[in-house]
Amino acid sequence: MNRPKSENITWSEAIVSREDRERRQGHRGAVLWFTGLSSSGKSTLARLVEKQLFERGCRTYILDGDNVRHGLNRDLGFSPADREENIRRIGEVAKLFVDAGVIVLTAFISPYRADRDRNRALLPAGEFVEIWCRCAVEECERRDPKGLYKKARAGLIPEFTGISAPYEEPLAAEVVLDTDQLSPHACVQRILDELEERLILGAPAGK
């Protein structure tokens, strides 16, 4: 749904602009969208990257899949329709964070390509950085810190991505990390390099 259900509503413009916030804090707002199978390293890397950015003085926040389902998306399950709505809501929340000049890191399986592309389209070019944590399902199962793959194999978790539900691999992610081969340190550095190249870690000229 592209149009709001409610009528007679108007977007309220702030007096303090996004440009004002970015100029003061010295970096741009952006979405770092971590995607990949369960146990592929999304949340771990998001936390490590946030720590590095925070130490540089950046304003950051992590939207984690499990955390969001405790509150904002507690009414959603894991059916294809619920997964789509889950990611739609996160995209809209992430957009608000970017408008506030924050670097928001999202760690969601987000298995459907169309959903990820829809959230990318919410932002100007260059402000959505898709980070694919590519990891063989066998390695994800070996890690399995929550025991989810074991439950899925036993039929206790229906529609589990990578086992009984599909994962649509990104076609043109800005960053592809083979997390079953690279160290966490190497992955973090690769992401930071990408942000530097995109000038996200420096306020744009003229701001």
C-alpha atoms as a PDB file:
ATOM      1  CA  MET A   1       0.000   0.000   0.000  1.00  0.00           C
ATOM      2  CA  ASN A   2       1.580   3.268  -1.150  1.00  0.00           C
ATOM      3  CA  ARG A   3      -1.121   5.654  -0.014  1.00  0.00           C
ATOM      4  CA  PRO A   4      -2.051   6.198   3.648  1.00  0.00           C
ATOM      5  CA  LYS A   5      -5.449   4.887   4.675  1.00  0.00           C
ATOM      6  CA  SER A   6      -6.178   8.049   6.629  1.00  0.00           C
ATOM      7  CA  GLU A   7      -7.369  11.143   4.788  1.00  0.00           C
ATOM      8  CA  ASN A   8      -6.879  14.833   5.533  1.00  0.00           C
ATOM      9  CA  ILE A   9      -3.293  14.428   6.714  1.00  0.00           C
ATOM     10  CA  THR A  10      -0.349  16.659   5.809  1.00  0.00           C
ATOM     11  CA  TRP A  11       3.373  16.052   6.226  1.00  0.00           C
ATOM     12  CA  SER A  12       4.758  18.429   8.865  1.00  0.00           C
ATOM     13  CA  GLU A  13       8.081  20.039   7.973  1.00  0.00           C
ATOM     14  CA  ALA A  14      10.559  20.611  10.819  1.00  0.00           C
ATOM     15  CA  ILE A  15      12.259  23.932  11.459  1.00  0.00           C
ATOM     16  CA  VAL A  16      15.518  22.107  12.144  1.00  0.00           C
ATOM     17  CA  SER A  17      16.375  20.467   8.832  1.00  0.00           C
ATOM     18  CA  ARG A  18      18.220  17.271   8.130  1.00  0.00           C
ATOM     19  CA  GLU A  19      21.005  19.365   6.634  1.00  0.00           C
ATOM     20  CA  ASP A  20      21.267  21.303   9.901  1.00  0.00           C
ATOM     21  CA  ARG A  21      21.676  18.065  11.847  1.00  0.00           C
ATOM     22  CA  GLU A  22      24.229  16.610   9.439  1.00  0.00           C
ATOM     23  CA  ARG A  23      26.278  19.795   9.463  1.00  0.00           C
ATOM     24  CA  ARG A  24      26.438  19.821  13.259  1.00  0.00           C
ATOM     25  CA  GLN A  25      27.320  16.138  13.662  1.00  0.00           C
ATOM     26  CA  GLY A  26      29.749  15.945  10.738  1.00  0.00           C
ATOM     27  CA  HIS A  27      28.310  12.944   8.914  1.00  0.00           C
ATOM     28  CA  ARG A  28      25.352  12.032   6.736  1.00  0.00           C
ATOM     29  CA  GLY A  29      22.358   9.939   7.617  1.00  0.00           C
ATOM     30  CA  ALA A  30      22.145   6.550   5.923  1.00  0.00           C
ATOM     31  CA  VAL A  31      20.731   3.036   6.187  1.00  0.00           C
ATOM     32  CA  LEU A  32      23.101   0.092   6.478  1.00  0.00           C
ATOM     33  CA  TRP A  33      20.814  -2.806   5.585  1.00  0.00           C
ATOM     34  CA  PHE A  34      22.300  -6.112   6.731  1.00  0.00           C
ATOM     35  CA  THR A  35      20.609  -9.101   5.090  1.00  0.00           C
ATOM     36  CA  GLY A  36      21.324 -12.824   5.094  1.00  0.00           C
ATOM     37  CA  LEU A  37      20.326 -16.146   6.598  1.00  0.00           C
ATOM     38  CA  SER A  38      19.836 -16.647  10.305  1.00  0.00           C
ATOM     39  CA  SER A  39      23.265 -16.998  12.002  1.00  0.00           C
ATOM     40  CA  SER A  40      25.074 -15.468   9.014  1.00  0.00           C
ATOM     41  CA  GLY A  41      26.492 -12.690  11.200  1.00  0.00           C
ATOM     42  CA  LYS A  42      24.095  -9.790  10.610  1.00  0.00           C
ATOM     43  CA  SER A  43      23.531  -8.734  14.216  1.00  0.00           C
ATOM     44  CA  THR A  44      27.115  -9.389  15.256  1.00  0.00           C
ATOM     45  CA  LEU A  45      28.525  -7.239  12.471  1.00  0.00           C
ATOM     46  CA  ALA A  46      25.933  -4.512  12.960  1.00  0.00           C
ATOM     47  CA  ARG A  47      26.959  -4.231  16.620  1.00  0.00           C
ATOM     48  CA  LEU A  48      30.664  -4.171  15.789  1.00  0.00           C
ATOM     49  CA  VAL A  49      30.198  -1.544  13.080  1.00  0.00           C
ATOM     50  CA  GLU A  50      28.043   0.581  15.369  1.00  0.00           C
ATOM     51  CA  LYS A  51      30.745   0.467  18.048  1.00  0.00           C
ATOM     52  CA  GLN A  52      33.328   1.724  15.557  1.00  0.00           C
ATOM     53  CA  LEU A  53      31.025   4.482  14.320  1.00  0.00           C
ATOM     54  CA  PHE A  54      30.070   5.509  17.863  1.00  0.00           C
ATOM     55  CA  GLU A  55      33.738   5.793  18.806  1.00  0.00           C
ATOM     56  CA  ARG A  56      34.143   8.152  15.840  1.00  0.00           C
ATOM     57  CA  GLY A  57      31.412  10.363  17.256  1.00  0.00           C
ATOM     58  CA  CYS A  58      28.657   9.277  14.855  1.00  0.00           C
ATOM     59  CA  ARG A  59      24.999   9.181  15.798  1.00  0.00           C
ATOM     60  CA  THR A  60      23.841   5.619  15.285  1.00  0.00           C
ATOM     61  CA  TYR A  61      21.089   3.165  16.132  1.00  0.00           C
ATOM     62  CA  ILE A  62      20.533  -0.546  15.469  1.00  0.00           C
ATOM     63  CA  LEU A  63      17.141  -1.909  14.474  1.00  0.00           C
ATOM     64  CA  ASP A  64      17.445  -5.631  15.187  1.00  0.00           C
ATOM     65  CA  GLY A  65      14.963  -8.212  13.926  1.00  0.00           C
ATOM     66  CA  ASP A  66      14.204  -9.880  17.259  1.00  0.00           C
ATOM     67  CA  ASN A  67      14.124  -6.605  19.182  1.00  0.00           C
ATOM     68  CA  VAL A  68      11.612  -5.029  16.824  1.00  0.00           C
ATOM     69  CA  ARG A  69       9.333  -8.066  17.067  1.00  0.00           C
ATOM     70  CA  HIS A  70       9.137  -7.545  20.834  1.00  0.00           C
ATOM     71  CA  GLY A  71       7.293  -4.274  20.352  1.00  0.00           C
ATOM     72  CA  LEU A  72       6.604  -2.478  17.087  1.00  0.00           C
ATOM     73  CA  ASN A  73       6.025  -5.694  15.134  1.00  0.00           C
ATOM     74  CA  ARG A  74       4.801  -7.952  17.915  1.00  0.00           C
ATOM     75  CA  ASP A  75       1.575  -8.543  15.970  1.00  0.00           C
ATOM     76  CA  LEU A  76       3.405 -10.131  13.018  1.00  0.00           C
ATOM     77  CA  GLY A  77       4.355 -13.750  12.432  1.00  0.00           C
ATOM     78  CA  PHE A  78       6.513 -15.284   9.712  1.00  0.00           C
ATOM     79  CA  SER A  79       4.076 -15.847   6.881  1.00  0.00           C
ATOM     80  CA  PRO A  80       5.096 -14.261   3.555  1.00  0.00           C
ATOM     81  CA  ALA A  81       2.552 -11.465   4.107  1.00  0.00           C
ATOM     82  CA  ASP A  82       3.760 -10.811   7.663  1.00  0.00           C
ATOM     83  CA  ARG A  83       7.389 -10.838   6.553  1.00  0.00           C
ATOM     84  CA  GLU A  84       6.575  -8.245   3.907  1.00  0.00           C
ATOM     85  CA  GLU A  85       4.798  -6.014   6.425  1.00  0.00           C
ATOM     86  CA  ASN A  86       7.619  -6.468   8.938  1.00  0.00           C
ATOM     87  CA  ILE A  87      10.185  -5.175   6.452  1.00  0.00           C
ATOM     88  CA  ARG A  88       7.876  -2.415   5.184  1.00  0.00           C
ATOM     89  CA  ARG A  89       7.517  -0.998   8.694  1.00  0.00           C
ATOM     90  CA  ILE A  90      11.238  -1.185   9.309  1.00  0.00           C
ATOM     91  CA  GLY A  91      11.918   0.643   6.068  1.00  0.00           C
ATOM     92  CA  GLU A  92       9.648   3.489   7.117  1.00  0.00           C
ATOM     93  CA  VAL A  93      11.216   3.690  10.588  1.00  0.00           C
ATOM     94  CA  ALA A  94      14.696   3.635   9.075  1.00  0.00           C
ATOM     95  CA  LYS A  95      13.719   6.475   6.749  1.00  0.00           C
ATOM     96  CA  LEU A  96      12.741   8.598   9.772  1.00  0.00           C
ATOM     97  CA  PHE A  97      16.098   7.895  11.405  1.00  0.00           C
ATOM     98  CA  VAL A  98      17.885   9.002   8.249  1.00  0.00           C
ATOM     99  CA  ASP A  99      15.833  12.207   8.197  1.00  0.00           C
ATOM    100  CA  ALA A 100      17.146  12.801  11.721  1.00  0.00           C
ATOM    101  CA  GLY A 101      20.683  12.457  10.374  1.00  0.00           C
ATOM    102  CA  VAL A 102      21.318   9.097  12.045  1.00  0.00           C
ATOM    103  CA  ILE A 103      23.252   6.168  10.589  1.00  0.00           C
ATOM    104  CA  VAL A 104      20.757   3.378  11.199  1.00  0.00           C
ATOM    105  CA  LEU A 105      21.873  -0.230  10.996  1.00  0.00           C
ATOM    106  CA  THR A 106      19.163  -2.812  10.331  1.00  0.00           C
ATOM    107  CA  ALA A 107      19.761  -6.513  10.947  1.00  0.00           C
ATOM    108  CA  PHE A 108      16.945  -8.524   9.372  1.00  0.00           C
ATOM    109  CA  ILE A 109      16.898 -11.669   7.282  1.00  0.00           C
ATOM    110  CA  SER A 110      14.626  -9.728   4.883  1.00  0.00           C
ATOM    111  CA  PRO A 111      14.426 -12.721   2.527  1.00  0.00           C
ATOM    112  CA  TYR A 112      12.486 -11.125  -0.320  1.00  0.00           C
ATOM    113  CA  ARG A 113      14.304  -9.039  -2.894  1.00  0.00           C
ATOM    114  CA  ALA A 114      11.250  -6.906  -3.688  1.00  0.00           C
ATOM    115  CA  ASP A 115      10.902  -5.849  -0.050  1.00  0.00           C
ATOM    116  CA  ARG A 116      14.537  -4.773   0.173  1.00  0.00           C
ATOM    117  CA  ASP A 117      14.275  -2.904  -3.129  1.00  0.00           C
ATOM    118  CA  ARG A 118      11.115  -1.149  -1.947  1.00  0.00           C
ATOM    119  CA  ASN A 119      12.939   0.174   1.102  1.00  0.00           C
ATOM    120  CA  ARG A 120      15.887   1.241  -1.016  1.00  0.00           C
ATOM    121  CA  ALA A 121      13.480   3.314  -3.134  1.00  0.00           C
ATOM    122  CA  LEU A 122      12.403   5.269  -0.036  1.00  0.00           C
ATOM    123  CA  LEU A 123      15.776   7.020   0.069  1.00  0.00           C
ATOM    124  CA  PRO A 124      17.861   9.100  -2.344  1.00  0.00           C
ATOM    125  CA  ALA A 125      20.557   7.239  -4.253  1.00  0.00           C
ATOM    126  CA  GLY A 126      23.580   6.383  -2.146  1.00  0.00           C
ATOM    127  CA  GLU A 127      21.846   6.473   1.230  1.00  0.00           C
ATOM    128  CA  PHE A 128      20.799   2.805   1.311  1.00  0.00           C
ATOM    129  CA  VAL A 129      23.775   0.488   1.658  1.00  0.00           C
ATOM    130  CA  GLU A 130      22.774  -3.148   1.255  1.00  0.00           C
ATOM    131  CA  ILE A 131      25.192  -5.476   3.061  1.00  0.00           C
ATOM    132  CA  TRP A 132      24.784  -9.139   2.202  1.00  0.00           C
ATOM    133  CA  CYS A 133      26.176 -11.436   4.869  1.00  0.00           C
ATOM    134  CA  ARG A 134      26.743 -14.388   2.563  1.00  0.00           C
ATOM    135  CA  CYS A 135      27.202 -17.633   4.427  1.00  0.00           C
ATOM    136  CA  ALA A 136      26.622 -21.268   3.471  1.00  0.00           C
ATOM    137  CA  VAL A 137      23.555 -22.704   5.153  1.00  0.00           C
ATOM    138  CA  GLU A 138      25.717 -25.555   6.476  1.00  0.00           C
ATOM    139  CA  GLU A 139      27.875 -23.065   8.360  1.00  0.00           C
ATOM    140  CA  CYS A 140      24.822 -21.199   9.629  1.00  0.00           C
ATOM    141  CA  GLU A 141      23.484 -24.491  10.959  1.00  0.00           C
ATOM    142  CA  ARG A 142      26.810 -25.270  12.590  1.00  0.00           C
ATOM    143  CA  ARG A 143      26.761 -21.936  14.420  1.00  0.00           C
ATOM    144  CA  ASP A 144      23.026 -21.892  15.241  1.00  0.00           C
ATOM    145  CA  PRO A 145      23.382 -20.118  18.637  1.00  0.00           C
ATOM    146  CA  LYS A 146      19.599 -20.078  19.193  1.00  0.00           C
ATOM    147  CA  GLY A 147      18.990 -23.650  18.075  1.00  0.00           C
ATOM    148  CA  LEU A 148      16.614 -22.474  15.376  1.00  0.00           C
ATOM    149  CA  TYR A 149      17.899 -24.654  12.548  1.00  0.00           C
ATOM    150  CA  LYS A 150      17.592 -27.741  14.738  1.00  0.00           C
ATOM    151  CA  LYS A 151      13.975 -26.848  15.493  1.00  0.00           C
ATOM    152  CA  ALA A 152      13.283 -26.092  11.841  1.00  0.00           C
ATOM    153  CA  ARG A 153      14.726 -29.447  10.758  1.00  0.00           C
ATOM    154  CA  ALA A 154      12.467 -31.110  13.317  1.00  0.00           C
ATOM    155  CA  GLY A 155       9.436 -29.334  11.871  1.00  0.00           C
ATOM    156  CA  LEU A 156       8.937 -27.199  14.983  1.00  0.00           C
ATOM    157  CA  ILE A 157       9.437 -23.889  13.137  1.00  0.00           C
ATOM    158  CA  PRO A 158       7.439 -23.610   9.907  1.00  0.00           C
ATOM    159  CA  GLU A 159       8.500 -21.339   7.056  1.00  0.00           C
ATOM    160  CA  PHE A 160      12.094 -21.057   8.261  1.00  0.00           C
ATOM    161  CA  THR A 161      14.300 -19.214   5.782  1.00  0.00           C
ATOM    162  CA  GLY A 162      16.913 -21.416   4.171  1.00  0.00           C
ATOM    163  CA  ILE A 163      15.173 -24.627   5.215  1.00  0.00           C
ATOM    164  CA  SER A 164      11.464 -24.447   4.415  1.00  0.00           C
ATOM    165  CA  ALA A 165      11.178 -20.874   3.094  1.00  0.00           C
ATOM    166  CA  PRO A 166      13.199 -19.135   0.370  1.00  0.00           C
ATOM    167  CA  TYR A 167      15.938 -16.547   0.618  1.00  0.00           C
ATOM    168  CA  GLU A 168      16.267 -14.391  -2.490  1.00  0.00           C
ATOM    169  CA  GLU A 169      19.904 -13.400  -2.802  1.00  0.00           C
ATOM    170  CA  PRO A 170      20.725  -9.755  -3.560  1.00  0.00           C
ATOM    171  CA  LEU A 171      21.581  -9.040  -7.173  1.00  0.00           C
ATOM    172  CA  ALA A 172      23.621  -5.875  -6.629  1.00  0.00           C
ATOM    173  CA  ALA A 173      24.401  -5.394  -2.941  1.00  0.00           C
ATOM    174  CA  GLU A 174      26.853  -2.572  -2.240  1.00  0.00           C
ATOM    175  CA  VAL A 175      28.811  -4.849   0.113  1.00  0.00           C
ATOM    176  CA  VAL A 176      29.051  -8.643  -0.087  1.00  0.00           C
ATOM    177  CA  LEU A 177      30.715 -10.321   2.890  1.00  0.00           C
ATOM    178  CA  ASP A 178      31.557 -14.010   2.865  1.00  0.00           C
ATOM    179  CA  THR A 179      31.145 -14.349   6.597  1.00  0.00           C
ATOM    180  CA  ASP A 180      32.061 -18.028   6.578  1.00  0.00           C
ATOM    181  CA  GLN A 181      35.499 -17.070   5.242  1.00  0.00           C
ATOM    182  CA  LEU A 182      36.288 -13.540   6.460  1.00  0.00           C
ATOM    183  CA  SER A 183      37.033 -12.541  10.036  1.00  0.00           C
ATOM    184  CA  PRO A 184      34.651 -10.127  11.789  1.00  0.00           C
ATOM    185  CA  HIS A 185      37.432  -7.522  11.776  1.00  0.00           C
ATOM    186  CA  ALA A 186      37.861  -7.811   8.013  1.00  0.00           C
ATOM    187  CA  CYS A 187      34.104  -7.524   7.477  1.00  0.00           C
ATOM    188  CA  VAL A 188      33.853  -4.422   9.646  1.00  0.00           C
ATOM    189  CA  GLN A 189      36.740  -2.763   7.840  1.00  0.00           C
ATOM    190  CA  ARG A 190      35.145  -3.501   4.473  1.00  0.00           C
ATOM    191  CA  ILE A 191      31.953  -1.779   5.591  1.00  0.00           C
ATOM    192  CA  LEU A 192      33.784   1.245   6.988  1.00  0.00           C
ATOM    193  CA  ASP A 193      35.734   1.557   3.735  1.00  0.00           C
ATOM    194  CA  GLU A 194      32.449   1.607   1.816  1.00  0.00           C
ATOM    195  CA  LEU A 195      31.080   4.368   4.032  1.00  0.00           C
ATOM    196  CA  GLU A 196      34.232   6.407   3.538  1.00  0.00           C
ATOM    197  CA  GLU A 197      34.025   5.986  -0.234  1.00  0.00           C
ATOM    198  CA  ARG A 198      30.409   7.105  -0.207  1.00  0.00           C
ATOM    199  CA  LEU A 199      31.280  10.168   1.937  1.00  0.00           C
ATOM    200  CA  ILE A 200      28.720   9.126   4.510  1.00  0.00           C
ATOM    201  CA  LEU A 201      31.256   9.671   7.277  1.00  0.00           C
ATOM    202  CA  GLY A 202      31.822  13.262   6.252  1.00  0.00           C
ATOM    203  CA  ALA A 203      29.202  15.985   5.878  1.00  0.00           C
ATOM    204  CA  PRO A 204      28.643  16.793   2.176  1.00  0.00           C
ATOM    205  CA  ALA A 205      30.363  19.900   0.867  1.00  0.00           C
ATOM    206  CA  GLY A 206      28.383  23.053   1.408  1.00  0.00           C
ATOM    207  CA  LYS A 207      26.555  21.739   4.439  1.00  0.00           C
END
